[in-house]
Amino acid sequence: MRYDEFLARVRERGEYTDQEEAETVTTGVLQVLSQRITPGEAADVAAQLPEPLRAPLTGDGERQAERFGVEEFRRRVAERIGARPRTAEWDASAVLSTLADAVSGGELNQIISQLPSGYAVFFGKADLAD
């Protein structure tokens, strides 16, 4: 998936006013996701995305994956993009469901398997991908 296509889908799903807002939200959500998954998994995901989307996932390769739940994920996204937690849930879903479309099913399963079950809905999935 091309970068402009990825942002267009995020913009449509999130109902954002312009591409710049979609880009800001996308970067923030991917940065928080990168804190939650292992650096190796973040690199694997980044390898399947357009170049501009790789840096938010791989920017801090020296870190360890943190363990936090869905509520903390929402809080961190909200803080990162300057939104309310409820709005951050919408934002995360717009980005992560687009991410689910952009990566292979196997890669999506690997991401979701590192997260508690409550995260799957952000990716537009009830559970692991088929």
C-alpha atoms as a PDB file:
ATOM      1  CA  MET A   1       0.000   0.000   0.000  1.00  0.00           C
ATOM      2  CA  ARG A   2       1.375   3.432  -0.915  1.00  0.00           C
ATOM      3  CA  TYR A   3       1.793   6.156   1.703  1.00  0.00           C
ATOM      4  CA  ASP A   4      -0.849   8.454   0.222  1.00  0.00           C
ATOM      5  CA  GLU A   5      -3.280   5.526  -0.023  1.00  0.00           C
ATOM      6  CA  PHE A   6      -2.658   4.593   3.633  1.00  0.00           C
ATOM      7  CA  LEU A   7      -3.318   8.187   4.748  1.00  0.00           C
ATOM      8  CA  ALA A   8      -6.406   8.440   2.530  1.00  0.00           C
ATOM      9  CA  ARG A   9      -7.888   5.362   4.214  1.00  0.00           C
ATOM     10  CA  VAL A  10      -7.068   6.697   7.680  1.00  0.00           C
ATOM     11  CA  ARG A  11      -8.586  10.053   6.729  1.00  0.00           C
ATOM     12  CA  GLU A  12     -11.771   8.402   5.488  1.00  0.00           C
ATOM     13  CA  ARG A  13     -12.118   6.032   8.455  1.00  0.00           C
ATOM     14  CA  GLY A  14     -11.328   8.700  11.008  1.00  0.00           C
ATOM     15  CA  GLU A  15     -13.346  11.362   9.197  1.00  0.00           C
ATOM     16  CA  TYR A  16     -10.452  13.831   9.397  1.00  0.00           C
ATOM     17  CA  THR A  17     -10.585  17.186   7.667  1.00  0.00           C
ATOM     18  CA  ASP A  18      -7.309  16.830   5.770  1.00  0.00           C
ATOM     19  CA  GLN A  19      -4.309  14.637   5.097  1.00  0.00           C
ATOM     20  CA  GLU A  20      -2.196  16.518   7.634  1.00  0.00           C
ATOM     21  CA  GLU A  21      -4.548  15.546  10.468  1.00  0.00           C
ATOM     22  CA  ALA A  22      -4.559  11.925   9.270  1.00  0.00           C
ATOM     23  CA  GLU A  23      -0.761  11.985   9.180  1.00  0.00           C
ATOM     24  CA  THR A  24      -0.503  13.378  12.730  1.00  0.00           C
ATOM     25  CA  VAL A  25      -2.904  10.774  14.093  1.00  0.00           C
ATOM     26  CA  THR A  26      -1.185   7.958  12.179  1.00  0.00           C
ATOM     27  CA  THR A  27       2.252   8.894  13.483  1.00  0.00           C
ATOM     28  CA  GLY A  28       1.011   9.163  17.082  1.00  0.00           C
ATOM     29  CA  VAL A  29      -0.826   5.832  17.054  1.00  0.00           C
ATOM     30  CA  LEU A  30       2.113   3.988  15.463  1.00  0.00           C
ATOM     31  CA  GLN A  31       4.501   5.472  18.040  1.00  0.00           C
ATOM     32  CA  VAL A  32       2.345   4.192  20.903  1.00  0.00           C
ATOM     33  CA  LEU A  33       1.959   0.792  19.230  1.00  0.00           C
ATOM     34  CA  SER A  34       5.753   0.584  18.956  1.00  0.00           C
ATOM     35  CA  GLN A  35       6.013   0.988  22.737  1.00  0.00           C
ATOM     36  CA  ARG A  36       3.758  -2.041  23.247  1.00  0.00           C
ATOM     37  CA  ILE A  37       5.262  -4.566  20.805  1.00  0.00           C
ATOM     38  CA  THR A  38       8.817  -5.886  20.690  1.00  0.00           C
ATOM     39  CA  PRO A  39      11.386  -3.941  18.649  1.00  0.00           C
ATOM     40  CA  GLY A  40      11.775  -6.960  16.345  1.00  0.00           C
ATOM     41  CA  GLU A  41       8.053  -7.082  15.684  1.00  0.00           C
ATOM     42  CA  ALA A  42       7.963  -3.317  15.130  1.00  0.00           C
ATOM     43  CA  ALA A  43      10.725  -3.726  12.525  1.00  0.00           C
ATOM     44  CA  ASP A  44       8.830  -6.578  10.841  1.00  0.00           C
ATOM     45  CA  VAL A  45       5.676  -4.464  10.618  1.00  0.00           C
ATOM     46  CA  ALA A  46       7.625  -1.435   9.404  1.00  0.00           C
ATOM     47  CA  ALA A  47       9.165  -3.511   6.609  1.00  0.00           C
ATOM     48  CA  GLN A  48       5.681  -4.012   5.127  1.00  0.00           C
ATOM     49  CA  LEU A  49       4.762  -0.323   5.229  1.00  0.00           C
ATOM     50  CA  PRO A  50       5.694   2.670   3.061  1.00  0.00           C
ATOM     51  CA  GLU A  51       8.919   4.421   4.078  1.00  0.00           C
ATOM     52  CA  PRO A  52       7.349   7.439   5.896  1.00  0.00           C
ATOM     53  CA  LEU A  53       5.454   5.067   8.238  1.00  0.00           C
ATOM     54  CA  ARG A  54       8.542   3.133   9.299  1.00  0.00           C
ATOM     55  CA  ALA A  55      10.166   5.731  11.561  1.00  0.00           C
ATOM     56  CA  PRO A  56       7.284   5.955  14.075  1.00  0.00           C
ATOM     57  CA  LEU A  57       7.550   2.184  14.568  1.00  0.00           C
ATOM     58  CA  THR A  58      11.326   1.806  14.668  1.00  0.00           C
ATOM     59  CA  GLY A  59      12.517   5.142  16.048  1.00  0.00           C
ATOM     60  CA  ASP A  60      13.719   3.719  19.371  1.00  0.00           C
ATOM     61  CA  GLY A  61      15.084   0.267  18.601  1.00  0.00           C
ATOM     62  CA  GLU A  62      16.923   0.019  21.935  1.00  0.00           C
ATOM     63  CA  ARG A  63      13.797  -0.139  24.079  1.00  0.00           C
ATOM     64  CA  GLN A  64      11.951  -3.106  25.537  1.00  0.00           C
ATOM     65  CA  ALA A  65       8.275  -3.773  24.876  1.00  0.00           C
ATOM     66  CA  GLU A  66       6.143  -2.335  27.655  1.00  0.00           C
ATOM     67  CA  ARG A  67       3.180  -4.178  29.099  1.00  0.00           C
ATOM     68  CA  PHE A  68       0.068  -2.025  29.287  1.00  0.00           C
ATOM     69  CA  GLY A  69      -3.595  -2.605  28.659  1.00  0.00           C
ATOM     70  CA  VAL A  70      -6.149  -1.040  26.380  1.00  0.00           C
ATOM     71  CA  GLU A  71      -7.007   1.819  28.770  1.00  0.00           C
ATOM     72  CA  GLU A  72      -3.358   2.854  28.996  1.00  0.00           C
ATOM     73  CA  PHE A  73      -3.009   2.527  25.225  1.00  0.00           C
ATOM     74  CA  ARG A  74      -5.943   4.925  24.763  1.00  0.00           C
ATOM     75  CA  ARG A  75      -4.503   7.317  27.339  1.00  0.00           C
ATOM     76  CA  ARG A  76      -1.097   7.349  25.630  1.00  0.00           C
ATOM     77  CA  VAL A  77      -2.599   7.887  22.184  1.00  0.00           C
ATOM     78  CA  ALA A  78      -4.744  10.724  23.547  1.00  0.00           C
ATOM     79  CA  GLU A  79      -1.708  12.341  25.147  1.00  0.00           C
ATOM     80  CA  ARG A  80       0.439  11.922  22.044  1.00  0.00           C
ATOM     81  CA  ILE A  81      -2.083  13.466  19.628  1.00  0.00           C
ATOM     82  CA  GLY A  82      -3.805  15.894  22.004  1.00  0.00           C
ATOM     83  CA  ALA A  83      -7.197  14.173  22.074  1.00  0.00           C
ATOM     84  CA  ARG A  84      -9.631  12.850  24.671  1.00  0.00           C
ATOM     85  CA  PRO A  85      -9.363   9.116  25.474  1.00  0.00           C
ATOM     86  CA  ARG A  86     -12.691   8.329  23.761  1.00  0.00           C
ATOM     87  CA  THR A  87     -11.572  10.180  20.648  1.00  0.00           C
ATOM     88  CA  ALA A  88      -8.223   8.390  20.864  1.00  0.00           C
ATOM     89  CA  GLU A  89     -10.040   5.061  20.613  1.00  0.00           C
ATOM     90  CA  TRP A  90     -11.608   6.221  17.337  1.00  0.00           C
ATOM     91  CA  ASP A  91      -8.215   7.459  16.137  1.00  0.00           C
ATOM     92  CA  ALA A  92      -6.468   4.205  17.046  1.00  0.00           C
ATOM     93  CA  SER A  93      -9.129   2.199  15.214  1.00  0.00           C
ATOM     94  CA  ALA A  94      -8.800   4.346  12.078  1.00  0.00           C
ATOM     95  CA  VAL A  95      -5.034   3.793  11.975  1.00  0.00           C
ATOM     96  CA  LEU A  96      -4.803   0.190  13.162  1.00  0.00           C
ATOM     97  CA  SER A  97      -7.612  -1.105  10.945  1.00  0.00           C
ATOM     98  CA  THR A  98      -5.747   0.476   8.016  1.00  0.00           C
ATOM     99  CA  LEU A  99      -2.536  -1.128   9.254  1.00  0.00           C
ATOM    100  CA  ALA A 100      -4.378  -4.478   9.270  1.00  0.00           C
ATOM    101  CA  ASP A 101      -5.193  -3.932   5.577  1.00  0.00           C
ATOM    102  CA  ALA A 102      -1.593  -3.016   4.752  1.00  0.00           C
ATOM    103  CA  VAL A 103       0.271  -5.978   6.284  1.00  0.00           C
ATOM    104  CA  SER A 104       0.030  -9.704   5.672  1.00  0.00           C
ATOM    105  CA  GLY A 105      -2.362 -11.820   7.713  1.00  0.00           C
ATOM    106  CA  GLY A 106       0.559 -13.626   9.309  1.00  0.00           C
ATOM    107  CA  GLU A 107       2.157 -10.366  10.370  1.00  0.00           C
ATOM    108  CA  LEU A 108      -1.143  -9.130  11.746  1.00  0.00           C
ATOM    109  CA  ASN A 109      -1.453 -12.314  13.805  1.00  0.00           C
ATOM    110  CA  GLN A 110       2.038 -11.749  15.186  1.00  0.00           C
ATOM    111  CA  ILE A 111       1.161  -8.208  16.252  1.00  0.00           C
ATOM    112  CA  ILE A 112      -2.132  -9.197  17.840  1.00  0.00           C
ATOM    113  CA  SER A 113      -0.568 -12.197  19.597  1.00  0.00           C
ATOM    114  CA  GLN A 114       1.710  -9.809  21.514  1.00  0.00           C
ATOM    115  CA  LEU A 115      -1.272  -7.826  22.774  1.00  0.00           C
ATOM    116  CA  PRO A 116      -4.063  -8.620  25.253  1.00  0.00           C
ATOM    117  CA  SER A 117      -7.353  -9.653  23.610  1.00  0.00           C
ATOM    118  CA  GLY A 118      -8.919  -6.197  23.957  1.00  0.00           C
ATOM    119  CA  TYR A 119      -6.581  -4.768  21.329  1.00  0.00           C
ATOM    120  CA  ALA A 120      -7.929  -6.872  18.432  1.00  0.00           C
ATOM    121  CA  VAL A 121     -10.940  -4.596  17.979  1.00  0.00           C
ATOM    122  CA  PHE A 122      -8.654  -1.659  17.153  1.00  0.00           C
ATOM    123  CA  PHE A 123      -7.496  -3.693  14.157  1.00  0.00           C
ATOM    124  CA  GLY A 124     -11.087  -4.392  13.120  1.00  0.00           C
ATOM    125  CA  LYS A 125     -10.818  -8.002  14.273  1.00  0.00           C
ATOM    126  CA  ALA A 126     -12.662 -10.004  16.889  1.00  0.00           C
ATOM    127  CA  ASP A 127      -9.552 -12.147  17.414  1.00  0.00           C
ATOM    128  CA  LEU A 128      -6.584 -13.364  15.401  1.00  0.00           C
ATOM    129  CA  ALA A 129      -6.676 -12.834  11.639  1.00  0.00           C
ATOM    130  CA  ASP A 130      -7.608 -15.730   9.386  1.00  0.00           C
END
